């Protein structure tokens, strides 16, 4: 699907790679969800019995491997593995090579930790919650972080 959309939009600066982004380099288990877009590195449900081994890289390692020195925007939807991805970005966040981050979060405690991390690196953040269910404790939203723009970000 990604390759189809890259071709459809004539994008020339997107290079798909079949790896997962994690807090380490090596091999990880990718648990297969019941629907497209629900696969995850975290086994949240006992029904997620099927898994495949995938190559894992930190964001920093992948950036170094491909010689990338600037990222305009990083979109991150990793089904509960947000903190693992961010832990593997410390060099990139310290150097400020990532201008903007759009990240889907899956629990309020994780979102609060992410806010703390991004702010410690000098990012301005805005949080949107689009699902909050007290009975199931299911919370999902987006966190937008920007290093350079104040236009629509407010603390």
C-alpha atoms as a PDB file:
ATOM      1  CA  UNK A   1       0.000   0.000   0.000  1.00  0.00           C
ATOM      2  CA  UNK A   2       2.840   2.391   0.831  1.00  0.00           C
ATOM      3  CA  UNK A   3       4.500   1.830  -2.541  1.00  0.00           C
ATOM      4  CA  UNK A   4       1.174   2.485  -4.277  1.00  0.00           C
ATOM      5  CA  UNK A   5       0.730   5.817  -2.474  1.00  0.00           C
ATOM      6  CA  UNK A   6       4.326   6.879  -3.131  1.00  0.00           C
ATOM      7  CA  UNK A   7       3.797   6.273  -6.860  1.00  0.00           C
ATOM      8  CA  UNK A   8       0.328   7.845  -6.852  1.00  0.00           C
ATOM      9  CA  UNK A   9       1.688  11.068  -5.348  1.00  0.00           C
ATOM     10  CA  UNK A  10       4.918  11.143  -7.348  1.00  0.00           C
ATOM     11  CA  UNK A  11       6.988  11.342  -4.158  1.00  0.00           C
ATOM     12  CA  UNK A  12      10.717  11.249  -4.807  1.00  0.00           C
ATOM     13  CA  UNK A  13      12.169  11.509  -1.316  1.00  0.00           C
ATOM     14  CA  UNK A  14      10.530   8.544   0.419  1.00  0.00           C
ATOM     15  CA  UNK A  15      12.552   5.354   0.740  1.00  0.00           C
ATOM     16  CA  UNK A  16      10.588   2.464   2.273  1.00  0.00           C
ATOM     17  CA  UNK A  17      12.595  -0.058   4.273  1.00  0.00           C
ATOM     18  CA  UNK A  18      11.287  -3.287   5.803  1.00  0.00           C
ATOM     19  CA  UNK A  19      12.486  -2.845   9.386  1.00  0.00           C
ATOM     20  CA  UNK A  20      11.008  -1.863  12.708  1.00  0.00           C
ATOM     21  CA  UNK A  21      12.194   1.116  14.721  1.00  0.00           C
ATOM     22  CA  UNK A  22      12.932   0.230  18.333  1.00  0.00           C
ATOM     23  CA  UNK A  23      15.200   1.064  21.253  1.00  0.00           C
ATOM     24  CA  UNK A  24      17.890  -1.364  20.026  1.00  0.00           C
ATOM     25  CA  UNK A  25      19.479  -2.826  16.906  1.00  0.00           C
ATOM     26  CA  UNK A  26      18.875  -6.524  16.281  1.00  0.00           C
ATOM     27  CA  UNK A  27      15.791  -8.690  15.836  1.00  0.00           C
ATOM     28  CA  UNK A  28      12.322  -8.059  17.296  1.00  0.00           C
ATOM     29  CA  UNK A  29       9.065  -9.965  17.271  1.00  0.00           C
ATOM     30  CA  UNK A  30       6.226  -8.255  15.378  1.00  0.00           C
ATOM     31  CA  UNK A  31       2.850  -9.477  16.661  1.00  0.00           C
ATOM     32  CA  UNK A  32       0.223  -9.740  13.966  1.00  0.00           C
ATOM     33  CA  UNK A  33      -3.061  -8.002  14.785  1.00  0.00           C
ATOM     34  CA  UNK A  34      -6.528  -8.900  13.551  1.00  0.00           C
ATOM     35  CA  UNK A  35      -6.711  -5.922  11.184  1.00  0.00           C
ATOM     36  CA  UNK A  36      -4.334  -3.992   8.993  1.00  0.00           C
ATOM     37  CA  UNK A  37      -2.574  -1.302  11.004  1.00  0.00           C
ATOM     38  CA  UNK A  38      -2.816  -3.160  14.319  1.00  0.00           C
ATOM     39  CA  UNK A  39       0.438  -5.112  14.180  1.00  0.00           C
ATOM     40  CA  UNK A  40       2.717  -4.213  17.081  1.00  0.00           C
ATOM     41  CA  UNK A  41       5.951  -4.984  18.902  1.00  0.00           C
ATOM     42  CA  UNK A  42       3.950  -5.224  22.142  1.00  0.00           C
ATOM     43  CA  UNK A  43       1.744  -8.260  22.778  1.00  0.00           C
ATOM     44  CA  UNK A  44      -1.224  -6.431  24.310  1.00  0.00           C
ATOM     45  CA  UNK A  45      -3.807  -9.137  23.718  1.00  0.00           C
ATOM     46  CA  UNK A  46      -3.557 -12.866  24.308  1.00  0.00           C
ATOM     47  CA  UNK A  47      -5.282 -13.303  20.943  1.00  0.00           C
ATOM     48  CA  UNK A  48      -2.110 -12.007  19.260  1.00  0.00           C
ATOM     49  CA  UNK A  49      -0.519 -15.437  18.916  1.00  0.00           C
ATOM     50  CA  UNK A  50       0.974 -15.045  15.470  1.00  0.00           C
ATOM     51  CA  UNK A  51       4.290 -13.231  15.131  1.00  0.00           C
ATOM     52  CA  UNK A  52       7.187 -12.785  12.726  1.00  0.00           C
ATOM     53  CA  UNK A  53      10.798 -11.863  13.387  1.00  0.00           C
ATOM     54  CA  UNK A  54      11.822  -8.515  11.901  1.00  0.00           C
ATOM     55  CA  UNK A  55      15.056  -6.534  11.713  1.00  0.00           C
ATOM     56  CA  UNK A  56      15.117  -3.789  14.325  1.00  0.00           C
ATOM     57  CA  UNK A  57      17.052  -0.532  14.272  1.00  0.00           C
ATOM     58  CA  UNK A  58      17.067   2.512  16.461  1.00  0.00           C
ATOM     59  CA  UNK A  59      16.015   5.685  14.680  1.00  0.00           C
ATOM     60  CA  UNK A  60      19.548   6.998  15.245  1.00  0.00           C
ATOM     61  CA  UNK A  61      21.116   3.905  13.616  1.00  0.00           C
ATOM     62  CA  UNK A  62      18.826   4.125  10.593  1.00  0.00           C
ATOM     63  CA  UNK A  63      19.569   7.847  10.172  1.00  0.00           C
ATOM     64  CA  UNK A  64      23.306   7.095  10.287  1.00  0.00           C
ATOM     65  CA  UNK A  65      22.985   4.114   7.926  1.00  0.00           C
ATOM     66  CA  UNK A  66      21.232   6.187   5.241  1.00  0.00           C
ATOM     67  CA  UNK A  67      23.266   9.368   5.807  1.00  0.00           C
ATOM     68  CA  UNK A  68      20.212  11.483   6.627  1.00  0.00           C
ATOM     69  CA  UNK A  69      21.092  14.827   8.187  1.00  0.00           C
ATOM     70  CA  UNK A  70      17.655  16.462   8.368  1.00  0.00           C
ATOM     71  CA  UNK A  71      14.065  15.277   8.885  1.00  0.00           C
ATOM     72  CA  UNK A  72      11.264  17.766   8.204  1.00  0.00           C
ATOM     73  CA  UNK A  73       8.552  15.693   9.839  1.00  0.00           C
ATOM     74  CA  UNK A  74       8.473  12.297  11.518  1.00  0.00           C
ATOM     75  CA  UNK A  75       5.083  10.573  11.647  1.00  0.00           C
ATOM     76  CA  UNK A  76       5.027   7.835  14.246  1.00  0.00           C
ATOM     77  CA  UNK A  77       2.136   5.374  14.728  1.00  0.00           C
ATOM     78  CA  UNK A  78       3.635   2.331  16.438  1.00  0.00           C
ATOM     79  CA  UNK A  79       0.721   0.849  18.383  1.00  0.00           C
ATOM     80  CA  UNK A  80       2.042   1.210  21.925  1.00  0.00           C
ATOM     81  CA  UNK A  81       5.803   1.118  21.252  1.00  0.00           C
ATOM     82  CA  UNK A  82       6.166   4.919  21.332  1.00  0.00           C
ATOM     83  CA  UNK A  83       8.641   5.052  24.209  1.00  0.00           C
ATOM     84  CA  UNK A  84      10.856   2.398  22.590  1.00  0.00           C
ATOM     85  CA  UNK A  85      11.068   4.447  19.396  1.00  0.00           C
ATOM     86  CA  UNK A  86      11.838   7.676  21.273  1.00  0.00           C
ATOM     87  CA  UNK A  87      14.510   5.967  23.416  1.00  0.00           C
ATOM     88  CA  UNK A  88      16.294   5.090  20.177  1.00  0.00           C
ATOM     89  CA  UNK A  89      16.238   8.727  19.021  1.00  0.00           C
ATOM     90  CA  UNK A  90      18.329  10.420  21.710  1.00  0.00           C
ATOM     91  CA  UNK A  91      21.160  11.425  19.353  1.00  0.00           C
ATOM     92  CA  UNK A  92      18.726  12.781  16.739  1.00  0.00           C
ATOM     93  CA  UNK A  93      16.690  14.670  19.342  1.00  0.00           C
ATOM     94  CA  UNK A  94      19.820  16.124  20.958  1.00  0.00           C
ATOM     95  CA  UNK A  95      21.198  17.320  17.611  1.00  0.00           C
ATOM     96  CA  UNK A  96      17.818  18.781  16.588  1.00  0.00           C
ATOM     97  CA  UNK A  97      17.782  17.174  13.130  1.00  0.00           C
ATOM     98  CA  UNK A  98      14.058  16.345  13.462  1.00  0.00           C
ATOM     99  CA  UNK A  99      11.988  19.523  13.033  1.00  0.00           C
ATOM    100  CA  UNK A 100       8.491  18.177  13.695  1.00  0.00           C
ATOM    101  CA  UNK A 101       6.996  15.007  15.120  1.00  0.00           C
ATOM    102  CA  UNK A 102       3.413  13.752  14.805  1.00  0.00           C
ATOM    103  CA  UNK A 103       2.981  10.810  17.138  1.00  0.00           C
ATOM    104  CA  UNK A 104      -0.076   8.708  17.992  1.00  0.00           C
ATOM    105  CA  UNK A 105      -0.103   7.683  21.672  1.00  0.00           C
ATOM    106  CA  UNK A 106      -2.053   4.884  23.324  1.00  0.00           C
ATOM    107  CA  UNK A 107      -2.135   5.683  27.036  1.00  0.00           C
ATOM    108  CA  UNK A 108      -2.135   8.850  29.113  1.00  0.00           C
ATOM    109  CA  UNK A 109       0.875   7.823  31.247  1.00  0.00           C
ATOM    110  CA  UNK A 110       2.903   7.209  28.072  1.00  0.00           C
ATOM    111  CA  UNK A 111       1.707  10.514  26.603  1.00  0.00           C
ATOM    112  CA  UNK A 112       2.801  12.386  29.749  1.00  0.00           C
ATOM    113  CA  UNK A 113       6.235  10.746  29.622  1.00  0.00           C
ATOM    114  CA  UNK A 114       6.556  11.622  25.921  1.00  0.00           C
ATOM    115  CA  UNK A 115       5.668  15.256  26.676  1.00  0.00           C
ATOM    116  CA  UNK A 116       8.359  15.349  29.343  1.00  0.00           C
ATOM    117  CA  UNK A 117      10.953  13.860  26.972  1.00  0.00           C
ATOM    118  CA  UNK A 118      10.171  16.144  24.013  1.00  0.00           C
ATOM    119  CA  UNK A 119      10.098  19.262  26.170  1.00  0.00           C
ATOM    120  CA  UNK A 120      13.454  18.319  27.698  1.00  0.00           C
ATOM    121  CA  UNK A 121      14.906  18.476  24.163  1.00  0.00           C
ATOM    122  CA  UNK A 122      13.359  21.910  23.527  1.00  0.00           C
ATOM    123  CA  UNK A 123      10.290  20.901  21.516  1.00  0.00           C
ATOM    124  CA  UNK A 124       7.016  22.783  21.855  1.00  0.00           C
ATOM    125  CA  UNK A 125       4.134  20.329  22.156  1.00  0.00           C
ATOM    126  CA  UNK A 126       0.396  20.121  21.598  1.00  0.00           C
ATOM    127  CA  UNK A 127      -1.725  17.131  22.628  1.00  0.00           C
ATOM    128  CA  UNK A 128      -5.059  16.053  21.158  1.00  0.00           C
ATOM    129  CA  UNK A 129      -7.123  13.240  22.674  1.00  0.00           C
ATOM    130  CA  UNK A 130      -9.576  11.617  20.268  1.00  0.00           C
ATOM    131  CA  UNK A 131     -10.620   8.599  22.337  1.00  0.00           C
ATOM    132  CA  UNK A 132     -10.953   8.515  26.098  1.00  0.00           C
ATOM    133  CA  UNK A 133     -12.934   5.719  27.730  1.00  0.00           C
ATOM    134  CA  UNK A 134     -12.741   5.545  31.527  1.00  0.00           C
ATOM    135  CA  UNK A 135     -14.398   2.114  31.702  1.00  0.00           C
ATOM    136  CA  UNK A 136     -11.821   0.405  29.489  1.00  0.00           C
ATOM    137  CA  UNK A 137      -9.005   2.850  30.314  1.00  0.00           C
ATOM    138  CA  UNK A 138      -8.471   3.151  26.576  1.00  0.00           C
ATOM    139  CA  UNK A 139      -6.990   6.487  25.580  1.00  0.00           C
ATOM    140  CA  UNK A 140      -5.697   7.392  22.144  1.00  0.00           C
ATOM    141  CA  UNK A 141      -4.550  10.707  20.787  1.00  0.00           C
ATOM    142  CA  UNK A 142      -1.909  12.639  18.919  1.00  0.00           C
ATOM    143  CA  UNK A 143       1.064  14.523  20.231  1.00  0.00           C
ATOM    144  CA  UNK A 144       2.541  17.146  17.929  1.00  0.00           C
ATOM    145  CA  UNK A 145       6.037  18.395  18.718  1.00  0.00           C
ATOM    146  CA  UNK A 146       7.891  21.147  16.887  1.00  0.00           C
ATOM    147  CA  UNK A 147      11.389  22.506  17.250  1.00  0.00           C
ATOM    148  CA  UNK A 148      10.982  25.517  14.946  1.00  0.00           C
ATOM    149  CA  UNK A 149       7.360  26.599  14.689  1.00  0.00           C
ATOM    150  CA  UNK A 150       5.122  28.298  17.222  1.00  0.00           C
ATOM    151  CA  UNK A 151       2.265  28.842  14.773  1.00  0.00           C
ATOM    152  CA  UNK A 152      -0.238  26.294  16.069  1.00  0.00           C
ATOM    153  CA  UNK A 153       1.553  24.864  19.064  1.00  0.00           C
ATOM    154  CA  UNK A 154       0.730  26.025  22.523  1.00  0.00           C
ATOM    155  CA  UNK A 155       1.650  24.669  25.926  1.00  0.00           C
END
